[in-house]
N, C-alpha and C. Protein backbone atom coordinates (compact mmCIF):
# COMPACT_ATOMS: atom_id res chain seq x y z
N MET A 1 174.33 178.42 96.30
CA MET A 1 173.97 178.25 94.47
C MET A 1 172.55 177.28 95.01
N ALA A 2 171.79 177.89 93.61
CA ALA A 2 170.53 177.08 93.17
C ALA A 2 171.00 176.23 92.41
N ASP A 3 169.59 175.34 92.33
CA ASP A 3 169.44 173.54 92.06
C ASP A 3 167.98 173.54 91.75
N ILE A 4 167.46 172.19 90.68
CA ILE A 4 166.78 172.44 90.31
C ILE A 4 165.93 172.43 91.91
N LEU A 5 165.02 173.01 92.43
CA LEU A 5 164.11 172.37 93.37
C LEU A 5 163.61 171.14 93.59
N VAL A 6 163.84 170.04 94.63
CA VAL A 6 162.34 168.75 94.24
C VAL A 6 162.27 169.05 95.68
N SER A 7 160.77 168.99 95.31
CA SER A 7 159.17 169.07 96.23
C SER A 7 158.99 168.08 96.66
N TRP A 8 158.83 167.49 97.58
CA TRP A 8 158.06 165.46 98.20
C TRP A 8 157.08 165.50 98.49
N ILE A 9 156.43 164.58 97.66
CA ILE A 9 155.16 164.69 98.22
C ILE A 9 154.98 163.40 98.78
N ALA A 10 155.16 163.60 99.94
CA ALA A 10 154.50 162.64 102.11
C ALA A 10 153.79 161.68 101.26
N ASN A 11 152.36 161.90 100.68
CA ASN A 11 151.48 161.27 100.11
C ASN A 11 151.31 159.96 99.23
N ASP A 12 152.28 160.52 98.45
CA ASP A 12 152.66 159.57 97.03
C ASP A 12 154.46 158.83 97.45
N ALA A 13 154.76 159.42 98.32
CA ALA A 13 156.44 158.54 99.07
C ALA A 13 157.25 159.08 97.62
N ARG A 14 157.17 159.65 97.34
CA ARG A 14 157.22 160.52 95.76
C ARG A 14 158.53 162.33 95.59
N GLY A 15 159.07 161.85 95.47
CA GLY A 15 160.16 163.43 94.88
C GLY A 15 159.50 163.69 93.94
N ASP A 16 159.51 165.50 93.74
CA ASP A 16 159.03 165.75 91.43
C ASP A 16 159.66 167.26 91.82
N TRP A 17 160.20 167.46 90.20
CA TRP A 17 160.50 168.61 90.59
C TRP A 17 159.35 170.04 90.26
N SER A 18 159.39 171.15 90.42
CA SER A 18 157.71 171.90 90.58
C SER A 18 158.50 172.75 89.46
N LEU A 19 157.09 172.99 88.34
CA LEU A 19 157.21 174.36 87.53
C LEU A 19 156.83 175.85 87.83
N VAL A 20 157.62 176.49 87.50
CA VAL A 20 157.29 178.33 88.07
C VAL A 20 157.41 179.02 86.69
N SER A 21 156.14 179.22 86.57
CA SER A 21 155.84 179.81 84.48
C SER A 21 156.89 179.57 83.49
N GLY A 22 156.37 177.64 83.42
CA GLY A 22 157.40 177.07 83.00
C GLY A 22 158.02 177.11 83.21
N ASP A 23 158.56 177.13 83.67
CA ASP A 23 160.78 176.69 84.15
C ASP A 23 160.44 175.81 84.94
N LEU A 24 161.42 175.28 85.62
CA LEU A 24 161.87 174.06 86.50
C LEU A 24 162.00 175.21 87.93
N ASP A 25 161.23 174.86 89.29
CA ASP A 25 161.62 176.48 89.69
C ASP A 25 162.91 175.87 90.28
N THR A 26 163.75 176.88 91.13
CA THR A 26 165.05 176.00 91.28
C THR A 26 164.97 176.16 93.65
N GLY A 27 165.74 175.97 94.10
CA GLY A 27 165.51 176.10 95.45
C GLY A 27 167.00 175.53 96.07
N ASP A 28 168.02 175.51 97.22
CA ASP A 28 168.57 175.11 97.97
C ASP A 28 169.08 173.18 97.50
N ASP A 29 170.41 173.57 97.37
CA ASP A 29 171.69 172.62 96.08
C ASP A 29 171.38 171.67 97.81
N LEU A 30 172.09 171.92 98.76
CA LEU A 30 171.45 170.98 99.75
C LEU A 30 171.03 170.59 100.08
N ALA A 31 169.47 170.87 100.31
CA ALA A 31 168.47 170.69 100.25
C ALA A 31 168.39 168.92 99.45
N THR A 32 167.78 169.79 98.02
CA THR A 32 168.04 169.18 97.14
C THR A 32 169.03 167.64 97.22
N ALA A 33 169.87 167.71 97.72
CA ALA A 33 170.72 166.68 97.30
C ALA A 33 170.97 165.83 98.35
N ILE A 34 170.42 166.43 99.90
CA ILE A 34 169.91 165.37 101.15
C ILE A 34 168.85 164.93 101.11
N LEU A 35 167.82 165.38 99.75
CA LEU A 35 166.75 164.36 99.25
C LEU A 35 167.14 163.58 98.17
N LEU A 36 167.44 163.45 97.57
CA LEU A 36 168.67 162.66 96.86
C LEU A 36 168.93 161.69 97.42
N SER A 37 170.52 161.78 98.42
CA SER A 37 170.10 161.01 98.97
C SER A 37 169.72 160.04 100.35
N LEU A 38 168.69 160.59 100.47
CA LEU A 38 168.21 160.07 101.64
C LEU A 38 167.40 159.29 101.12
N PHE A 39 166.33 159.41 99.94
CA PHE A 39 165.03 159.39 99.26
C PHE A 39 165.51 158.98 98.07
N THR A 40 166.32 157.62 97.42
CA THR A 40 167.06 157.01 96.38
C THR A 40 167.35 156.28 97.05
N ASP A 41 167.00 154.88 96.26
CA ASP A 41 167.90 153.91 96.61
C ASP A 41 168.53 153.58 96.41
N ARG A 42 169.89 152.59 97.30
CA ARG A 42 171.47 152.50 96.94
C ARG A 42 170.85 151.19 97.09
N PRO A 43 171.99 150.52 95.77
CA PRO A 43 171.66 148.95 96.46
C PRO A 43 172.18 148.38 97.79
N ALA A 44 171.62 147.21 98.03
CA ALA A 44 171.07 146.53 98.72
C ALA A 44 172.71 145.78 98.87
N THR A 45 173.30 145.35 99.73
CA THR A 45 174.71 144.79 99.96
C THR A 45 174.14 143.33 99.86
N ALA A 46 175.34 142.67 99.50
CA ALA A 46 175.85 141.28 99.91
C ALA A 46 174.35 140.35 101.08
N SER A 47 175.58 140.74 101.67
CA SER A 47 174.52 140.12 103.26
C SER A 47 173.03 141.23 103.56
N ASP A 48 173.17 141.84 102.55
CA ASP A 48 171.47 142.90 103.47
C ASP A 48 170.48 141.79 103.57
N SER A 49 169.29 141.62 103.94
CA SER A 49 168.22 140.72 103.96
C SER A 49 167.24 141.50 103.45
N LEU A 50 167.01 140.97 102.03
CA LEU A 50 165.84 141.90 100.85
C LEU A 50 164.31 141.54 101.77
N PRO A 51 163.33 143.17 102.02
CA PRO A 51 162.32 142.71 102.67
C PRO A 51 160.96 142.32 101.57
N ASP A 52 161.33 142.21 100.78
CA ASP A 52 160.43 141.59 99.58
C ASP A 52 160.39 140.35 99.41
N GLY A 53 162.26 139.05 99.47
CA GLY A 53 162.35 138.80 99.79
C GLY A 53 162.05 137.93 97.31
N THR A 54 162.62 139.07 96.29
CA THR A 54 162.03 138.81 95.78
C THR A 54 163.76 138.65 94.85
N GLY A 55 164.97 139.19 96.42
CA GLY A 55 165.99 139.58 94.82
C GLY A 55 166.56 139.91 93.98
N ASP A 56 165.71 141.75 94.55
CA ASP A 56 165.90 142.33 93.78
C ASP A 56 166.54 143.56 94.39
N ARG A 57 168.38 143.65 94.00
CA ARG A 57 168.83 144.29 94.98
C ARG A 57 168.77 146.13 94.83
N ARG A 58 167.06 146.83 94.23
CA ARG A 58 167.76 147.86 93.35
C ARG A 58 168.63 148.79 93.26
N GLY A 59 168.37 150.36 93.98
CA GLY A 59 169.71 151.30 92.69
C GLY A 59 169.69 151.34 91.32
N TRP A 60 170.75 152.35 91.38
CA TRP A 60 170.46 153.04 90.16
C TRP A 60 171.91 152.47 89.35
N TRP A 61 171.18 151.84 88.13
CA TRP A 61 172.35 151.15 87.69
C TRP A 61 173.85 151.65 86.77
N GLY A 62 173.78 153.35 86.99
CA GLY A 62 174.87 154.06 87.28
C GLY A 62 175.64 154.37 87.86
N ASP A 63 175.64 154.07 88.62
CA ASP A 63 176.35 154.11 90.34
C ASP A 63 175.59 154.10 91.18
N ARG A 64 176.69 152.57 91.82
CA ARG A 64 176.53 151.60 92.55
C ARG A 64 176.89 152.86 94.60
N GLU A 65 176.97 154.53 94.54
CA GLU A 65 176.82 154.84 95.73
C GLU A 65 175.42 155.57 95.86
N ILE A 66 175.14 156.05 95.31
CA ILE A 66 174.09 157.03 95.53
C ILE A 66 173.02 156.02 96.07
N GLY A 67 171.83 157.25 97.21
CA GLY A 67 170.88 156.86 98.46
C GLY A 67 171.10 156.70 99.44
N SER A 68 170.17 155.59 99.47
CA SER A 68 169.96 155.01 101.42
C SER A 68 169.63 153.83 101.08
N ARG A 69 170.25 153.10 102.47
CA ARG A 69 169.78 151.77 102.01
C ARG A 69 167.93 150.77 102.77
N LEU A 70 167.37 152.70 103.68
CA LEU A 70 166.43 152.51 104.07
C LEU A 70 165.33 152.27 103.50
N TRP A 71 165.02 151.75 102.51
CA TRP A 71 164.06 150.71 102.04
C TRP A 71 164.45 149.50 102.55
N LEU A 72 165.37 149.08 103.33
CA LEU A 72 165.06 147.70 103.84
C LEU A 72 164.85 147.37 105.11
N LEU A 73 164.05 148.98 105.62
CA LEU A 73 163.23 149.03 106.53
C LEU A 73 161.86 148.49 106.42
N ASP A 74 161.02 147.96 105.54
CA ASP A 74 160.02 147.92 104.71
C ASP A 74 159.53 147.71 105.30
N ARG A 75 159.92 146.58 106.43
CA ARG A 75 158.80 145.14 106.95
C ARG A 75 159.41 145.27 108.37
N ALA A 76 160.45 146.27 108.35
CA ALA A 76 161.18 146.08 109.98
C ALA A 76 160.46 146.03 111.09
N LYS A 77 159.95 145.92 112.34
CA LYS A 77 159.64 145.81 113.19
C LYS A 77 159.88 147.70 113.82
N GLN A 78 159.12 148.52 114.59
CA GLN A 78 159.51 149.34 115.56
C GLN A 78 160.38 149.04 116.96
N THR A 79 162.19 148.29 116.61
CA THR A 79 162.60 148.41 117.35
C THR A 79 163.70 148.45 117.47
N GLU A 80 164.67 148.44 118.07
CA GLU A 80 166.39 150.17 118.98
C GLU A 80 167.25 148.92 117.64
N GLU A 81 166.45 148.01 117.27
CA GLU A 81 167.57 147.95 116.23
C GLU A 81 167.17 148.26 115.42
N THR A 82 166.25 148.21 114.82
CA THR A 82 165.46 149.05 113.16
C THR A 82 166.40 150.20 113.25
N ARG A 83 165.72 150.79 114.61
CA ARG A 83 165.94 152.65 114.62
C ARG A 83 167.63 153.07 114.62
N ARG A 84 168.28 151.98 115.44
CA ARG A 84 169.86 151.88 115.24
C ARG A 84 170.51 151.71 112.97
N ARG A 85 169.93 150.75 112.91
CA ARG A 85 170.19 150.50 111.46
C ARG A 85 169.87 151.81 110.73
N ALA A 86 168.56 152.17 110.50
CA ALA A 86 168.01 153.68 110.00
C ALA A 86 169.34 154.48 110.06
N ALA A 87 169.98 154.64 111.46
CA ALA A 87 170.36 156.06 111.97
C ALA A 87 171.68 155.82 110.68
N ASP A 88 171.95 154.06 110.87
CA ASP A 88 173.50 153.83 109.49
C ASP A 88 173.74 154.16 108.38
N TYR A 89 172.08 153.25 107.72
CA TYR A 89 171.82 154.35 106.80
C TYR A 89 171.70 155.78 106.44
N VAL A 90 171.04 156.28 106.90
CA VAL A 90 171.59 157.66 107.01
C VAL A 90 172.68 157.76 106.68
N ALA A 91 173.59 158.43 107.40
CA ALA A 91 174.50 158.47 107.82
C ALA A 91 175.31 157.86 106.43
N GLU A 92 174.96 156.36 105.90
CA GLU A 92 175.68 156.56 104.88
C GLU A 92 175.91 156.91 103.71
N ALA A 93 174.15 157.25 103.69
CA ALA A 93 173.59 158.07 102.28
C ALA A 93 174.28 159.76 102.55
N LEU A 94 174.09 159.98 103.58
CA LEU A 94 174.82 161.85 103.63
C LEU A 94 176.73 161.55 103.30
N GLN A 95 177.20 160.58 103.58
CA GLN A 95 178.82 160.29 103.21
C GLN A 95 179.38 161.21 102.25
N TRP A 96 178.95 161.36 101.57
CA TRP A 96 179.15 161.55 100.39
C TRP A 96 179.52 163.57 100.24
N LEU A 97 178.46 163.75 101.17
CA LEU A 97 178.26 164.93 101.06
C LEU A 97 179.85 165.47 102.12
N ILE A 98 179.97 165.11 102.67
CA ILE A 98 181.23 165.08 103.60
C ILE A 98 182.32 164.84 102.92
N ASP A 99 182.09 164.28 102.20
CA ASP A 99 183.36 163.56 101.48
C ASP A 99 183.74 164.61 100.40
N ASP A 100 182.36 164.86 100.06
CA ASP A 100 182.80 166.16 98.53
C ASP A 100 183.61 166.73 99.03
N GLY A 101 183.06 168.13 100.79
CA GLY A 101 183.60 168.55 101.19
C GLY A 101 182.17 169.77 100.91
N VAL A 102 181.14 169.68 100.45
CA VAL A 102 179.81 170.15 100.69
C VAL A 102 179.72 170.76 102.05
N VAL A 103 179.69 170.21 103.11
CA VAL A 103 179.04 170.08 104.56
C VAL A 103 180.70 169.49 104.88
N ALA A 104 180.98 170.04 106.39
CA ALA A 104 181.82 169.97 106.96
C ALA A 104 181.68 168.54 108.11
N ARG A 105 180.45 168.55 108.62
CA ARG A 105 179.48 167.50 109.79
C ARG A 105 178.14 167.11 108.93
N PHE A 106 177.34 165.85 109.63
CA PHE A 106 176.14 165.90 110.78
C PHE A 106 175.81 165.48 111.47
N THR A 107 174.83 166.42 112.15
CA THR A 107 174.30 165.75 113.52
C THR A 107 172.89 164.68 112.30
N ILE A 108 173.18 163.81 113.58
CA ILE A 108 171.76 163.04 112.91
C ILE A 108 171.23 162.06 114.29
N ARG A 109 169.84 162.55 114.10
CA ARG A 109 168.82 161.97 115.15
C ARG A 109 167.97 160.82 114.72
N VAL A 110 167.39 159.86 115.26
CA VAL A 110 166.36 158.88 114.34
C VAL A 110 165.83 158.49 115.53
N GLU A 111 164.80 158.44 115.79
CA GLU A 111 164.16 157.99 116.66
C GLU A 111 162.59 157.20 116.27
N TRP A 112 162.07 156.87 117.03
CA TRP A 112 159.93 157.03 116.97
C TRP A 112 159.62 157.89 117.52
N ALA A 113 159.19 158.77 115.69
CA ALA A 113 158.78 159.89 115.93
C ALA A 113 156.95 160.37 116.35
N ARG A 114 156.45 158.62 116.36
CA ARG A 114 154.73 158.20 116.35
C ARG A 114 155.01 156.80 116.07
N ARG A 115 154.05 155.62 116.32
CA ARG A 115 154.10 154.34 116.08
C ARG A 115 154.15 154.00 115.22
N SER A 116 154.68 153.50 114.71
CA SER A 116 154.71 153.24 113.16
C SER A 116 155.31 154.56 112.35
N THR A 117 156.04 155.27 113.09
CA THR A 117 156.33 156.17 112.08
C THR A 117 158.52 156.95 112.55
N LEU A 118 158.87 156.70 111.08
CA LEU A 118 160.53 156.69 112.57
C LEU A 118 160.27 158.23 111.84
N GLY A 119 161.57 158.90 112.66
CA GLY A 119 162.01 160.37 112.19
C GLY A 119 163.03 160.14 112.16
N VAL A 120 163.41 161.59 110.76
CA VAL A 120 164.45 161.40 110.59
C VAL A 120 164.97 163.06 110.92
N TRP A 121 165.86 163.28 111.94
CA TRP A 121 166.16 164.93 111.91
C TRP A 121 167.78 165.06 111.29
N VAL A 122 167.77 166.18 110.28
CA VAL A 122 169.25 165.78 110.63
C VAL A 122 169.87 167.98 110.38
N ILE A 123 171.17 168.47 110.60
CA ILE A 123 171.50 169.17 110.78
C ILE A 123 173.14 168.96 109.94
N ALA A 124 172.91 170.39 109.08
CA ALA A 124 173.89 170.06 108.39
C ALA A 124 175.30 171.12 109.07
N HIS A 125 176.44 170.50 109.07
CA HIS A 125 176.99 171.57 109.80
C HIS A 125 177.96 172.56 108.10
N ARG A 126 178.05 173.46 107.90
CA ARG A 126 178.76 173.33 106.85
C ARG A 126 180.65 174.07 107.82
N SER A 127 181.27 174.26 106.38
CA SER A 127 182.66 174.52 107.60
C SER A 127 182.71 176.35 107.50
N ASP A 128 181.93 177.30 107.14
CA ASP A 128 181.84 178.28 107.10
C ASP A 128 181.16 178.89 108.92
N GLY A 129 180.46 177.26 108.62
CA GLY A 129 180.42 177.92 110.67
C GLY A 129 178.78 178.02 110.12
N GLN A 130 178.18 177.79 109.08
CA GLN A 130 177.00 178.02 109.13
C GLN A 130 176.23 176.70 109.45
N SER A 131 174.54 176.34 109.99
CA SER A 131 173.94 175.72 109.62
C SER A 131 172.96 174.91 108.90
N THR A 132 172.10 174.19 108.91
CA THR A 132 170.83 174.12 108.18
C THR A 132 170.33 172.92 109.07
N SER A 133 169.15 172.74 109.14
CA SER A 133 168.52 171.89 110.08
C SER A 133 167.40 171.10 108.82
N PHE A 134 167.02 169.77 108.98
CA PHE A 134 166.49 169.07 107.64
C PHE A 134 165.70 168.12 109.25
N ASN A 135 163.93 167.94 108.36
CA ASN A 135 163.28 167.52 109.35
C ASN A 135 162.11 166.30 108.29
N PHE A 136 162.79 165.25 108.55
CA PHE A 136 162.15 163.46 108.13
C PHE A 136 160.82 162.72 108.75
N ASP A 137 161.15 163.65 109.64
CA ASP A 137 159.38 162.93 110.31
C ASP A 137 158.27 162.83 110.24
N TRP A 138 158.43 163.26 109.13
CA TRP A 138 156.92 162.38 107.68
C TRP A 138 157.21 161.37 107.28
N ALA A 139 158.00 160.95 106.36
CA ALA A 139 158.58 160.64 105.81
C ALA A 139 158.19 159.36 105.89
N TRP A 140 158.78 158.18 106.66
CA TRP A 140 158.65 157.05 106.47
C TRP A 140 157.32 156.27 107.52
N GLN A 141 156.44 157.17 107.58
CA GLN A 141 154.96 155.96 108.09
C GLN A 141 154.89 155.42 107.27
N GLY A 142 154.41 154.07 108.25
CA GLY A 142 154.42 152.48 108.41
C GLY A 142 155.15 151.62 108.46
N VAL A 143 156.53 152.09 108.77
CA VAL A 143 157.88 151.19 108.73
C VAL A 143 158.00 150.60 109.24
N ALA A 144 156.81 150.52 110.42
CA ALA A 144 156.93 149.18 111.28
C ALA A 144 155.68 148.04 111.75
């Protein structure tokens, strides 16, 4: 099924819709769902330490479960603990796709791709046996 295509603009750290001949472009609905899940700010929990010290827990007021808490790593150091937290946040952000039956499971790999750049690789395994890979090693530059 085609959905509105969300194209990620790495230099601006934001997604945007694309136009083709004056109409919204369409693309892979799973790719769009994963992009929105990872790159929308999920609200911080009461126990989360906020990186900017403002008290702003972020998130979208209309839905407390959308997005990821990866934004909490904005000022984190490049450590194994930060990598583990990132992996947990990615799994948490994508869980709704499993719960809703969109995919059967995910394989998630999170590692330091290079200095100060967190790399995230996701394989979505569908219930029909097909899988799709997504590479986000470009997205979190300057994390630590």
